[in-house]
Protein backbone atom coordinates (compact mmCIF):
# COMPACT_ATOMS: atom_id res chain seq x y z
CA UNK A 1 28.13 -10.23 -3.83
CA UNK A 2 25.57 -12.58 -2.26
CA UNK A 3 21.92 -12.99 -3.15
CA UNK A 4 19.97 -9.83 -2.20
CA UNK A 5 16.67 -11.55 -1.41
CA UNK A 6 16.92 -11.27 2.37
CA UNK A 7 16.33 -8.77 5.16
CA UNK A 8 19.09 -7.56 7.50
CA UNK A 9 18.01 -6.81 11.08
CA UNK A 10 20.41 -4.50 12.93
CA UNK A 11 19.67 -4.52 16.67
CA UNK A 12 21.79 -5.11 19.78
CA UNK A 13 18.78 -6.62 21.60
CA UNK A 14 19.32 -10.26 20.69
CA UNK A 15 15.94 -11.43 22.00
CA UNK A 16 14.00 -8.82 20.05
CA UNK A 17 16.06 -9.34 16.91
CA UNK A 18 15.42 -13.08 17.07
CA UNK A 19 11.68 -12.54 17.58
CA UNK A 20 11.50 -10.20 14.57
CA UNK A 21 13.55 -12.61 12.47
CA UNK A 22 11.40 -15.60 13.42
CA UNK A 23 8.18 -13.69 12.68
CA UNK A 24 9.40 -12.51 9.28
CA UNK A 25 10.62 -15.99 8.35
CA UNK A 26 7.23 -17.41 9.33
CA UNK A 27 5.83 -15.03 6.74
CA UNK A 28 8.18 -16.12 3.97
CA UNK A 29 11.19 -13.80 4.29
CA UNK A 30 14.84 -14.76 4.69
CA UNK A 31 16.59 -12.82 7.43
CA UNK A 32 20.02 -12.24 8.95
CA UNK A 33 20.92 -10.42 12.16
CA UNK A 34 23.75 -8.00 12.92
CA UNK A 35 24.32 -6.70 16.47
CA UNK A 36 27.32 -4.48 15.78
CA UNK A 37 26.57 -1.04 14.31
CA UNK A 38 29.97 -0.38 12.72
CA UNK A 39 30.00 -3.82 11.12
CA UNK A 40 26.44 -3.24 9.92
CA UNK A 41 27.62 -0.36 7.71
CA UNK A 42 30.10 -2.64 5.97
CA UNK A 43 27.55 -5.43 5.54
CA UNK A 44 24.76 -3.21 4.22
CA UNK A 45 26.97 -1.66 1.55
CA UNK A 46 28.83 -4.84 0.62
CA UNK A 47 25.93 -7.31 0.72
CA UNK A 48 23.03 -5.06 -0.39
CA UNK A 49 20.08 -6.78 1.35
CA UNK A 50 16.64 -6.14 -0.11
CA UNK A 51 15.61 -4.28 3.09
CA UNK A 52 17.22 -3.17 6.36
CA UNK A 53 15.43 -3.02 9.72
CA UNK A 54 17.61 -0.67 11.77
CA UNK A 55 17.38 0.11 15.49
CA UNK A 56 18.14 3.71 16.42
CA UNK A 57 19.70 2.98 19.82
CA UNK A 58 22.90 0.96 19.36
CA UNK A 59 25.88 1.08 21.76
CA UNK A 60 28.76 1.39 19.29
CA UNK A 61 27.28 3.34 16.36
CA UNK A 62 23.74 4.67 16.51
CA UNK A 63 21.16 3.97 13.84
CA UNK A 64 21.04 7.55 12.57
CA UNK A 65 24.79 7.48 11.91
CA UNK A 66 24.49 4.10 10.20
CA UNK A 67 21.68 5.35 7.99
CA UNK A 68 23.63 8.48 7.07
CA UNK A 69 26.78 6.44 6.36
CA UNK A 70 25.13 3.92 4.02
CA UNK A 71 23.18 6.60 2.17
CA UNK A 72 25.90 9.20 1.76
CA UNK A 73 29.16 7.26 2.06
CA UNK A 74 31.51 6.25 4.86
CA UNK A 75 35.30 6.73 5.19
CA UNK A 76 37.18 3.66 4.00
CA UNK A 77 34.09 1.98 2.51
CA UNK A 78 33.29 2.36 -1.16
CA UNK A 79 29.70 2.47 -2.35
CA UNK A 80 26.29 3.17 -0.82
CA UNK A 81 22.89 1.57 -0.24
CA UNK A 82 19.69 2.69 -1.97
CA UNK A 83 17.34 -0.03 -0.71
CA UNK A 84 14.57 0.58 1.84
CA UNK A 85 15.50 1.25 5.47
CA UNK A 86 12.91 0.81 8.24
CA UNK A 87 14.05 2.37 11.51
CA UNK A 88 12.97 1.25 14.99
CA UNK A 89 13.21 3.27 18.19
CA UNK A 90 12.18 2.99 21.82
CA UNK A 91 12.10 6.78 22.10
CA UNK A 92 8.68 8.42 21.80
CA UNK A 93 10.04 11.66 20.37
CA UNK A 94 9.10 13.20 17.02
CA UNK A 95 12.53 14.88 16.80
CA UNK A 96 14.09 11.43 16.47
CA UNK A 97 11.61 10.57 13.73
CA UNK A 98 12.44 13.77 11.86
CA UNK A 99 16.16 13.04 12.23
CA UNK A 100 15.67 9.51 10.92
CA UNK A 101 13.76 10.68 7.87
CA UNK A 102 16.30 13.42 7.15
CA UNK A 103 19.21 10.96 7.23
CA UNK A 104 17.55 8.85 4.55
CA UNK A 105 15.28 6.33 6.29
CA UNK A 106 12.21 5.24 4.32
CA UNK A 107 9.94 4.44 7.23
CA UNK A 108 9.87 4.61 11.02
CA UNK A 109 8.29 2.51 13.80
CA UNK A 110 8.25 3.12 17.55
CA UNK A 111 8.76 0.23 19.97
CA UNK A 112 7.06 -1.85 21.17
CA UNK A 113 6.56 -2.95 17.59
CA UNK A 114 3.27 -4.60 16.70
CA UNK A 115 4.01 -7.61 14.50
CA UNK A 116 1.16 -7.01 12.05
CA UNK A 117 2.16 -3.37 11.60
CA UNK A 118 5.80 -4.36 11.05
CA UNK A 119 4.79 -6.94 8.45
CA UNK A 120 2.54 -4.41 6.68
CA UNK A 121 5.37 -1.86 6.50
CA UNK A 122 7.86 -4.44 5.22
CA UNK A 123 5.43 -5.60 2.54
CA UNK A 124 4.67 -2.06 1.48
CA UNK A 125 8.35 -1.15 1.18
CA UNK A 126 8.98 -4.24 -0.96
CA UNK A 127 5.78 -3.97 -3.00
CA UNK A 128 7.08 -1.63 -5.67
CA UNK A 129 6.69 -3.94 -8.65
CA UNK A 130 7.16 -2.82 -12.25
CA UNK A 131 3.84 -2.16 -13.95
CA UNK A 132 3.09 -1.57 -17.62
CA UNK A 133 3.50 2.14 -18.45
CA UNK A 134 0.42 4.30 -18.35
CA UNK A 135 -0.46 4.95 -21.99
CA UNK A 136 -3.86 6.58 -21.72
CA UNK A 137 -4.17 10.31 -21.16
CA UNK A 138 -4.40 11.07 -17.44
CA UNK A 139 -7.29 13.29 -16.50
CA UNK A 140 -9.77 13.63 -13.67
CA UNK A 141 -10.23 11.32 -10.71
CA UNK A 142 -11.63 7.96 -11.84
CA UNK A 143 -14.55 6.92 -9.68
CA UNK A 144 -14.72 3.38 -11.07
CA UNK A 145 -11.42 2.25 -9.50
CA UNK A 146 -11.01 2.97 -5.81
CA UNK A 147 -7.33 1.93 -5.82
CA UNK A 148 -6.33 4.31 -8.63
CA UNK A 149 -6.41 8.09 -8.60
CA UNK A 150 -5.56 9.93 -11.81
CA UNK A 151 -5.25 13.62 -12.44
CA UNK A 152 -3.74 15.48 -15.35
CA UNK A 153 -0.17 14.17 -15.49
CA UNK A 154 -0.31 12.30 -12.17
CA UNK A 155 -1.28 8.67 -11.43
CA UNK A 156 -1.46 7.23 -7.90
CA UNK A 157 -1.92 3.44 -7.75
CA UNK A 158 -2.63 2.26 -4.20
CA UNK A 159 -2.68 -1.45 -5.06
CA UNK A 160 0.92 -1.41 -6.31
CA UNK A 161 2.09 1.57 -4.21
CA UNK A 162 3.14 3.26 -7.44
CA UNK A 163 3.30 6.92 -8.46
CA UNK A 164 3.75 8.11 -12.03
CA UNK A 165 4.02 11.69 -13.24
CA UNK A 166 3.88 12.24 -16.99
CA UNK A 167 4.77 8.56 -17.45
CA UNK A 168 7.81 8.68 -15.14
CA UNK A 169 7.96 6.71 -11.89
CA UNK A 170 8.24 8.77 -8.69
CA UNK A 171 9.75 6.95 -5.69
CA UNK A 172 8.05 7.75 -2.39
CA UNK A 173 8.47 6.15 1.02
CA UNK A 174 5.49 4.27 2.44
CA UNK A 175 4.53 7.15 4.72
CA UNK A 176 4.91 9.69 1.91
CA UNK A 177 2.71 7.55 -0.32
CA UNK A 178 0.02 7.28 2.36
CA UNK A 179 0.05 11.05 2.89
CA UNK A 180 -0.17 11.80 -0.83
CA UNK A 181 -3.01 9.25 -1.18
CA UNK A 182 -4.90 10.87 1.70
CA UNK A 183 -4.58 14.37 0.22
CA UNK A 184 -5.29 13.30 -3.37
CA UNK A 185 -8.38 11.33 -2.37
CA UNK A 186 -9.85 14.60 -1.06
CA UNK A 187 -9.06 17.10 -3.83
CA UNK A 188 -10.16 20.65 -3.12
CA UNK A 189 -10.62 19.93 0.61
CA UNK A 190 -8.40 21.25 3.38
CA UNK A 191 -6.85 18.45 5.45
CA UNK A 192 -5.82 19.80 8.84
CA UNK A 193 -2.75 18.40 10.58
CA UNK A 194 -4.73 16.85 13.44
CA UNK A 195 -6.87 14.76 11.07
CA UNK A 196 -3.73 13.73 9.18
CA UNK A 197 -2.12 12.67 12.48
CA UNK A 198 -5.23 10.63 13.33
CA UNK A 199 -5.06 8.95 9.91
CA UNK A 200 -1.43 7.95 10.46
CA UNK A 201 -2.16 6.77 14.02
CA UNK A 202 -4.71 4.36 12.59
CA UNK A 203 -1.95 3.01 10.34
CA UNK A 204 0.34 2.47 13.33
CA UNK A 205 2.56 5.52 12.84
CA UNK A 206 3.78 7.90 15.52
CA UNK A 207 3.03 11.18 13.75
CA UNK A 208 3.40 14.85 14.67
CA UNK A 209 2.75 18.17 12.94
CA UNK A 210 6.50 18.50 12.34
CA UNK A 211 6.80 15.12 10.61
CA UNK A 212 3.71 15.86 8.50
CA UNK A 213 5.31 19.11 7.32
CA UNK A 214 8.55 17.29 6.57
CA UNK A 215 6.78 14.62 4.51
CA UNK A 216 4.83 17.23 2.55
CA UNK A 217 8.11 19.00 1.81
CA UNK A 218 9.68 15.77 0.55
CA UNK A 219 6.65 14.90 -1.58
CA UNK A 220 6.71 18.35 -3.17
CA UNK A 221 10.39 18.03 -3.96
CA UNK A 222 9.91 14.63 -5.59
CA UNK A 223 6.94 15.88 -7.61
CA UNK A 224 8.78 19.06 -8.61
CA UNK A 225 6.17 21.19 -6.81
CA UNK A 226 7.93 24.44 -5.82
CA UNK A 227 7.03 25.04 -2.14
CA UNK A 228 7.13 28.82 -2.56
CA UNK A 229 4.59 28.60 -5.41
CA UNK A 230 3.07 25.16 -4.88
CA UNK A 231 0.50 24.20 -7.50
CA UNK A 232 -0.28 20.60 -6.46
CA UNK A 233 -0.13 20.59 -2.63
CA UNK A 234 -0.93 24.01 -1.22
CA UNK A 235 -0.30 25.13 2.34
CA UNK A 236 -3.36 26.78 3.87
CA UNK A 237 -1.77 28.76 6.69
CA UNK A 238 -3.25 28.08 10.09
CA UNK A 239 -5.37 25.25 8.71
CA UNK A 240 -3.44 22.52 6.87
CA UNK A 241 -2.92 21.29 3.31
CA UNK A 242 -5.03 21.24 0.18
CA UNK A 243 -4.48 19.01 -2.85
CA UNK A 244 -5.22 20.65 -6.20
CA UNK A 245 -6.52 18.13 -8.71
CA UNK A 246 -6.32 20.17 -11.91
């Protein structure tokens, strides 16, 4: 197995793929390009790049099928891929975003892709560095550190994009992290879906009420927050979501 410290770009648009590759390499990343969707499945599983940038619209095997195959297995190919997957699409349709997230993508960008936004997403997906374990008792929100939110049993570190619950790391996608940070930074306040959509638009995301609901559902599952009796992120029907600090 080759060195994993590189990014695989899967896109049949050679010009765009080369532009993305050149931009990422200018910013210190090694890249390789794959134009064939079926071959991409084999390469992703066999070579295990540190991140995959995956176009949704491919002529031979679409990006959703590739994502599903590398996450959940593919006939004749042993193994899977657990690294970050950033999906790209030219379709301005939230259903495609929902489908991408449900097949196992970590993040999602609509074309035309802004280079600075792409770089920010790549960096965020790769930023999850190991930190010393939290040893102090977690309690109320700390006002003396704007990049760290701590509640009883839950620590949200924005600088390192790290979540811990009772000392255990919780893996969230970049968008899930941003949503949890937004809600947790306003404990006891109702965040309506329109304001959440505006927040994500400022970050360069194409966001809809449906994708917000999906991300909340995934965050709850990862935090062990039963949606039927949620204690951390409550649904306020007809209004939005409310984060309960303690």
